[in-house]
Amino acid sequence: MAIPPSQAGGTAQNRALLEAAVQSLGSDVLAMQEVDHFLPRTGMSSQTQEIAYAMSAPFWAFAPSVVGTPGEQWRKLHGDEQRLVTHENFSKESELGTYGIAIASKIPVISFNRLDLGRSPIGLPLVVPGDETGRGRPRFIYVKDEPRVALAATLNNGWTVINTHLSFAPGLNLLQLKRLKKWALKIGAETHTRVLIVGDLNLPKNLPIAASNWKSLVTRNTYPSWGSKIQFDYILTPEADLDFTVQAYAPTGVSDHLPIGVSISK
């Protein structure tokens, strides 16, 4: 689920909307992209911590991709700066203003891991909506690609869930996904867990599973949320035999993407 800050930050009203949206999903594990962490535009709050609290999830982690605000002023993380903020090491006194991806889980997490995936050195002119309702006039803007990361949560139920938000640069996002699949299989082998890759892959239907033994568990257009025309968001797995049900979610009202989810039988 992508969380635009204009819909999910700062004011008590927006925080209440975010809390209601999270609770409406009823998830045991929630993967999020476009998450703010101690940025002024979202009230200097930890959105990951607030979301985890809203869904009664004791376990959470946030993986920053940049320091600062994308689309405004940002920089890459320095080598000595914190690359994983979790429920165990979170401290308001030491937090930078950052932006990235996150996972919150009701299921106990054995370990969190991070993979840096790089970025495109060249930005692209993209069409963006005027607002998150679809009523604003679309406009072209030049967007500088930010560094991309993946966040893995190895759970004590035999699964590893890997969340990511890949580059919008054609070709590079496919290379990032190829590397991510290899990393997922490595973690799965090392931890003896089954693996899922979830998130915004910035790839249209079929491309994420083309020429591979991975399958997509959800086939649904996810963007934009007010009149979805393309699928950018996926749940991928290499597991051949899986008993699962696709969850039917309504628009949350706090994201420009539609949420997707599955219920997997043990």
Protein backbone atom coordinates (compact mmCIF):
# COMPACT_ATOMS: atom_id res chain seq x y z
CA MET A 1 0.00 0.00 0.00
CA ALA A 2 1.44 3.38 -1.00
CA ILE A 3 0.66 6.16 1.45
CA PRO A 4 0.66 9.69 -0.04
CA PRO A 5 1.60 12.15 2.71
CA SER A 6 -1.12 14.63 1.81
CA GLN A 7 -3.67 12.00 2.80
CA ALA A 8 -1.85 10.37 5.68
CA GLY A 9 0.14 12.80 7.71
CA GLY A 10 0.33 15.63 10.15
CA THR A 11 -3.18 16.40 11.30
CA ALA A 12 -5.23 14.38 13.75
CA GLN A 13 -7.91 13.97 11.09
CA ASN A 14 -5.48 12.46 8.59
CA ARG A 15 -4.04 10.15 11.21
CA ALA A 16 -7.53 8.99 12.08
CA LEU A 17 -8.18 8.28 8.38
CA LEU A 18 -4.97 6.29 8.17
CA GLU A 19 -5.83 4.30 11.29
CA ALA A 20 -9.30 3.49 9.95
CA ALA A 21 -7.85 2.42 6.58
CA VAL A 22 -5.32 0.11 8.21
CA GLN A 23 -7.93 -1.49 10.44
CA SER A 24 -10.27 -2.02 7.48
CA LEU A 25 -7.68 -4.30 5.86
CA GLY A 26 -7.52 -6.67 8.82
CA SER A 27 -4.02 -7.81 7.87
CA ASP A 28 -1.66 -9.97 9.89
CA VAL A 29 1.25 -8.65 7.81
CA LEU A 30 1.14 -5.30 6.03
CA ALA A 31 3.75 -4.09 3.52
CA MET A 32 3.88 -0.36 2.76
CA GLN A 33 5.65 1.89 0.29
CA GLU A 34 6.14 5.68 0.22
CA VAL A 35 6.35 5.89 3.99
CA ASP A 36 7.50 9.01 5.87
CA HIS A 37 9.60 8.87 9.01
CA PHE A 38 9.97 12.08 11.05
CA LEU A 39 9.38 14.40 8.09
CA PRO A 40 7.75 17.83 8.59
CA ARG A 41 5.02 17.17 6.00
CA THR A 42 3.66 14.32 8.11
CA GLY A 43 3.93 15.93 11.51
CA MET A 44 7.39 14.58 12.44
CA SER A 45 5.85 11.18 13.16
CA SER A 46 6.86 7.60 12.52
CA GLN A 47 4.15 6.43 10.13
CA THR A 48 5.36 2.84 10.45
CA GLN A 49 4.98 2.89 14.22
CA GLU A 50 1.52 4.49 13.95
CA ILE A 51 0.37 1.90 11.40
CA ALA A 52 1.71 -0.96 13.51
CA TYR A 53 -0.13 0.43 16.52
CA ALA A 54 -3.36 0.77 14.49
CA MET A 55 -3.26 -2.91 13.48
CA SER A 56 -2.01 -4.13 16.90
CA ALA A 57 1.21 -5.41 15.36
CA PRO A 58 4.08 -5.69 17.88
CA PHE A 59 6.68 -6.24 15.16
CA TRP A 60 7.65 -3.62 12.60
CA ALA A 61 10.55 -2.28 10.58
CA PHE A 62 11.20 0.72 8.37
CA ALA A 63 13.91 0.78 5.68
CA PRO A 64 14.79 4.34 4.63
CA SER A 65 15.73 4.90 1.01
CA VAL A 66 16.60 8.60 1.29
CA VAL A 67 17.15 11.30 3.88
CA GLY A 68 14.71 14.12 3.20
CA THR A 69 11.63 14.43 1.02
CA PRO A 70 11.40 12.99 -2.52
CA GLY A 71 10.30 15.60 -5.04
CA GLU A 72 11.75 18.32 -2.83
CA GLN A 73 15.18 17.98 -1.22
CA TRP A 74 16.81 14.67 -0.40
CA ARG A 75 20.12 12.82 -0.33
CA LYS A 76 21.36 9.26 -0.15
CA LEU A 77 22.04 7.69 3.22
CA HIS A 78 25.59 7.96 4.46
CA GLY A 79 27.42 4.78 5.34
CA ASP A 80 27.14 5.32 9.10
CA GLU A 81 23.42 6.19 9.14
CA GLN A 82 20.76 3.79 10.37
CA ARG A 83 19.51 1.53 7.58
CA LEU A 84 16.83 -0.32 9.54
CA VAL A 85 14.54 1.21 12.15
CA THR A 86 12.60 -1.46 14.08
CA HIS A 87 10.37 -1.88 17.08
CA GLU A 88 13.50 -2.86 19.00
CA ASN A 89 15.85 0.05 18.18
CA PHE A 90 13.41 2.92 17.62
CA SER A 91 14.36 6.13 19.44
CA LYS A 92 12.73 9.52 18.85
CA GLU A 93 15.88 11.30 19.96
CA SER A 94 18.09 9.78 17.26
CA GLU A 95 15.78 9.60 14.24
CA LEU A 96 16.54 11.33 10.94
CA GLY A 97 13.82 12.65 8.66
CA THR A 98 13.67 9.88 6.05
CA TYR A 99 11.42 8.19 3.48
CA GLY A 100 11.20 4.55 2.43
CA ILE A 101 9.32 1.27 2.83
CA ALA A 102 8.03 -0.67 5.81
CA ILE A 103 6.53 -3.90 7.14
CA ALA A 104 4.31 -4.37 10.20
CA SER A 105 3.42 -7.83 11.49
CA LYS A 106 1.23 -9.43 14.13
CA ILE A 107 3.14 -12.67 13.49
CA PRO A 108 6.45 -12.84 15.40
CA VAL A 109 9.40 -11.80 13.25
CA ILE A 110 12.62 -13.78 13.58
CA SER A 111 14.71 -11.26 11.65
CA PHE A 112 14.53 -8.23 9.36
CA ASN A 113 16.97 -7.79 6.47
CA ARG A 114 17.60 -5.06 3.90
CA LEU A 115 18.86 -5.11 0.32
CA ASP A 116 19.96 -1.97 -1.55
CA LEU A 117 18.91 -2.02 -5.21
CA GLY A 118 20.36 1.23 -6.55
CA ARG A 119 18.65 3.84 -8.71
CA SER A 120 18.51 5.22 -12.22
CA PRO A 121 21.01 8.07 -12.74
CA ILE A 122 18.56 9.60 -15.20
CA GLY A 123 15.10 10.78 -14.20
CA LEU A 124 12.02 10.69 -16.38
CA PRO A 125 9.11 13.01 -17.23
CA LEU A 126 6.06 11.38 -15.67
CA VAL A 127 2.36 12.12 -15.69
CA VAL A 128 1.13 12.62 -12.13
CA PRO A 129 -2.41 13.31 -10.89
CA GLY A 130 -3.32 16.69 -9.53
CA ASP A 131 -4.35 15.09 -6.24
CA GLU A 132 -5.15 11.70 -4.72
CA THR A 133 -8.83 11.87 -5.70
CA GLY A 134 -8.36 12.05 -9.46
CA ARG A 135 -10.18 15.39 -9.64
CA GLY A 136 -7.05 17.49 -10.08
CA ARG A 137 -5.64 18.17 -13.55
CA PRO A 138 -2.85 15.71 -14.47
CA ARG A 139 0.52 17.30 -15.13
CA PHE A 140 3.94 16.36 -16.47
CA ILE A 141 6.85 16.70 -14.08
CA TYR A 142 10.48 15.63 -14.25
CA VAL A 143 11.07 13.06 -11.51
CA LYS A 144 14.54 12.17 -10.22
CA ASP A 145 14.74 8.51 -9.30
CA GLU A 146 15.57 7.80 -5.67
CA PRO A 147 17.57 4.81 -4.40
CA ARG A 148 15.46 1.68 -4.19
CA VAL A 149 15.54 -0.89 -1.39
CA ALA A 150 13.93 -4.16 -0.34
CA LEU A 151 12.93 -5.16 3.20
CA ALA A 152 12.58 -8.80 4.24
CA ALA A 153 10.74 -10.06 7.32
CA THR A 154 11.37 -13.69 8.19
CA LEU A 155 8.39 -14.87 10.24
CA ASN A 156 8.14 -17.74 12.71
CA ASN A 157 5.34 -19.35 10.67
CA GLY A 158 7.62 -20.56 7.87
CA TRP A 159 7.34 -17.56 5.54
CA THR A 160 9.61 -14.69 4.55
CA VAL A 161 7.80 -11.60 3.22
CA ILE A 162 9.88 -9.20 1.12
CA ASN A 163 8.57 -5.71 0.44
CA THR A 164 9.91 -3.35 -2.23
CA HIS A 165 9.21 -0.31 -4.40
CA LEU A 166 11.16 -0.65 -7.64
CA SER A 167 12.39 2.06 -9.99
CA PHE A 168 10.11 3.58 -12.60
CA ALA A 169 12.98 3.43 -15.13
CA PRO A 170 12.17 0.79 -17.80
CA GLY A 171 14.69 -2.01 -17.87
CA LEU A 172 16.29 -1.12 -14.56
CA ASN A 173 13.19 -2.25 -12.65
CA LEU A 174 13.41 -5.64 -14.38
CA LEU A 175 17.07 -5.96 -13.39
CA GLN A 176 16.18 -4.99 -9.82
CA LEU A 177 13.44 -7.61 -9.73
CA LYS A 178 15.78 -10.29 -11.08
CA ARG A 179 18.26 -9.50 -8.32
CA LEU A 180 15.48 -9.42 -5.75
CA LYS A 181 14.19 -12.86 -6.74
CA LYS A 182 17.70 -14.28 -6.36
CA TRP A 183 18.00 -12.68 -2.91
CA ALA A 184 14.59 -14.03 -1.91
CA LEU A 185 15.54 -17.59 -2.85
CA LYS A 186 18.81 -17.22 -0.92
CA ILE A 187 16.99 -16.08 2.22
CA GLY A 188 14.42 -18.84 1.81
CA ALA A 189 17.14 -21.49 1.56
CA GLU A 190 19.08 -20.10 4.53
CA THR A 191 16.02 -19.79 6.80
CA HIS A 192 14.09 -22.80 5.47
CA THR A 193 11.11 -20.58 4.72
CA ARG A 194 8.80 -20.04 1.76
CA VAL A 195 9.04 -16.61 0.20
CA LEU A 196 6.78 -13.85 -1.07
CA ILE A 197 7.79 -10.67 -2.88
CA VAL A 198 5.22 -7.92 -2.48
CA GLY A 199 4.98 -4.26 -3.37
CA ASP A 200 4.96 -1.66 -6.10
CA LEU A 201 7.11 -3.09 -8.91
CA ASN A 202 6.35 -0.32 -11.43
CA LEU A 203 5.82 -3.03 -14.06
CA PRO A 204 2.64 -3.83 -16.03
CA LYS A 205 0.88 -7.20 -15.99
CA ASN A 206 2.83 -10.37 -16.80
CA LEU A 207 6.28 -8.73 -16.91
CA PRO A 208 7.14 -9.61 -13.27
CA ILE A 209 6.64 -13.33 -13.98
CA ALA A 210 7.71 -13.54 -17.63
CA ALA A 211 10.31 -16.24 -18.38
CA SER A 212 10.40 -17.44 -14.77
CA ASN A 213 8.84 -20.05 -12.51
CA TRP A 214 7.40 -17.33 -10.26
CA LYS A 215 3.67 -16.71 -10.25
CA SER A 216 1.53 -13.71 -9.43
CA LEU A 217 -1.14 -14.42 -6.81
CA VAL A 218 -3.24 -11.34 -7.57
CA THR A 219 -4.29 -10.09 -11.00
CA ARG A 220 -5.92 -6.71 -10.54
CA ASN A 221 -5.36 -3.20 -11.82
CA THR A 222 -4.13 -1.17 -8.87
CA TYR A 223 -3.33 2.33 -10.14
CA PRO A 224 -4.77 4.88 -9.83
CA SER A 225 -7.10 3.98 -6.99
CA TRP A 226 -9.97 6.14 -8.32
CA GLY A 227 -10.10 4.47 -11.74
CA SER A 228 -7.46 1.76 -11.88
CA LYS A 229 -6.08 1.18 -15.37
CA ILE A 230 -2.81 -0.66 -14.77
CA GLN A 231 -1.35 -3.17 -12.33
CA PHE A 232 1.81 -1.98 -10.58
CA ASP A 233 1.36 -3.86 -7.29
CA TYR A 234 1.98 -7.59 -6.93
CA ILE A 235 2.34 -10.57 -4.65
CA LEU A 236 4.84 -12.99 -6.20
CA THR A 237 6.01 -16.43 -5.11
CA PRO A 238 7.96 -19.37 -6.58
CA GLU A 239 5.85 -21.82 -4.58
CA ALA A 240 4.18 -24.22 -7.00
CA ASP A 241 1.39 -25.58 -4.79
CA LEU A 242 -0.19 -22.95 -2.62
CA ASP A 243 -3.64 -22.86 -1.06
CA PHE A 244 -4.65 -19.19 -0.95
CA THR A 245 -7.59 -16.84 -1.30
CA VAL A 246 -7.40 -13.37 -2.84
CA GLN A 247 -8.75 -10.72 -0.49
CA ALA A 248 -11.40 -8.33 -1.83
CA TYR A 249 -10.41 -4.87 -0.63
CA ALA A 250 -12.16 -1.57 -1.24
CA PRO A 251 -10.15 1.62 -1.81
CA THR A 252 -8.70 2.79 1.49
CA GLY A 253 -9.15 6.50 0.89
CA VAL A 254 -5.56 7.24 1.98
CA SER A 255 -3.63 5.88 -1.01
CA ASP A 256 -3.43 6.47 -4.74
CA HIS A 257 -2.97 2.70 -5.16
CA LEU A 258 -5.54 0.00 -4.44
CA PRO A 259 -4.54 -2.46 -1.72
CA ILE A 260 -4.04 -6.13 -2.60
CA GLY A 261 -3.76 -9.12 -0.33
CA VAL A 262 -4.08 -12.86 0.03
CA SER A 263 -5.01 -15.25 2.80
CA ILE A 264 -2.71 -18.27 2.75
CA SER A 265 -3.82 -21.51 4.36
CA LYS A 266 -1.26 -23.31 6.50
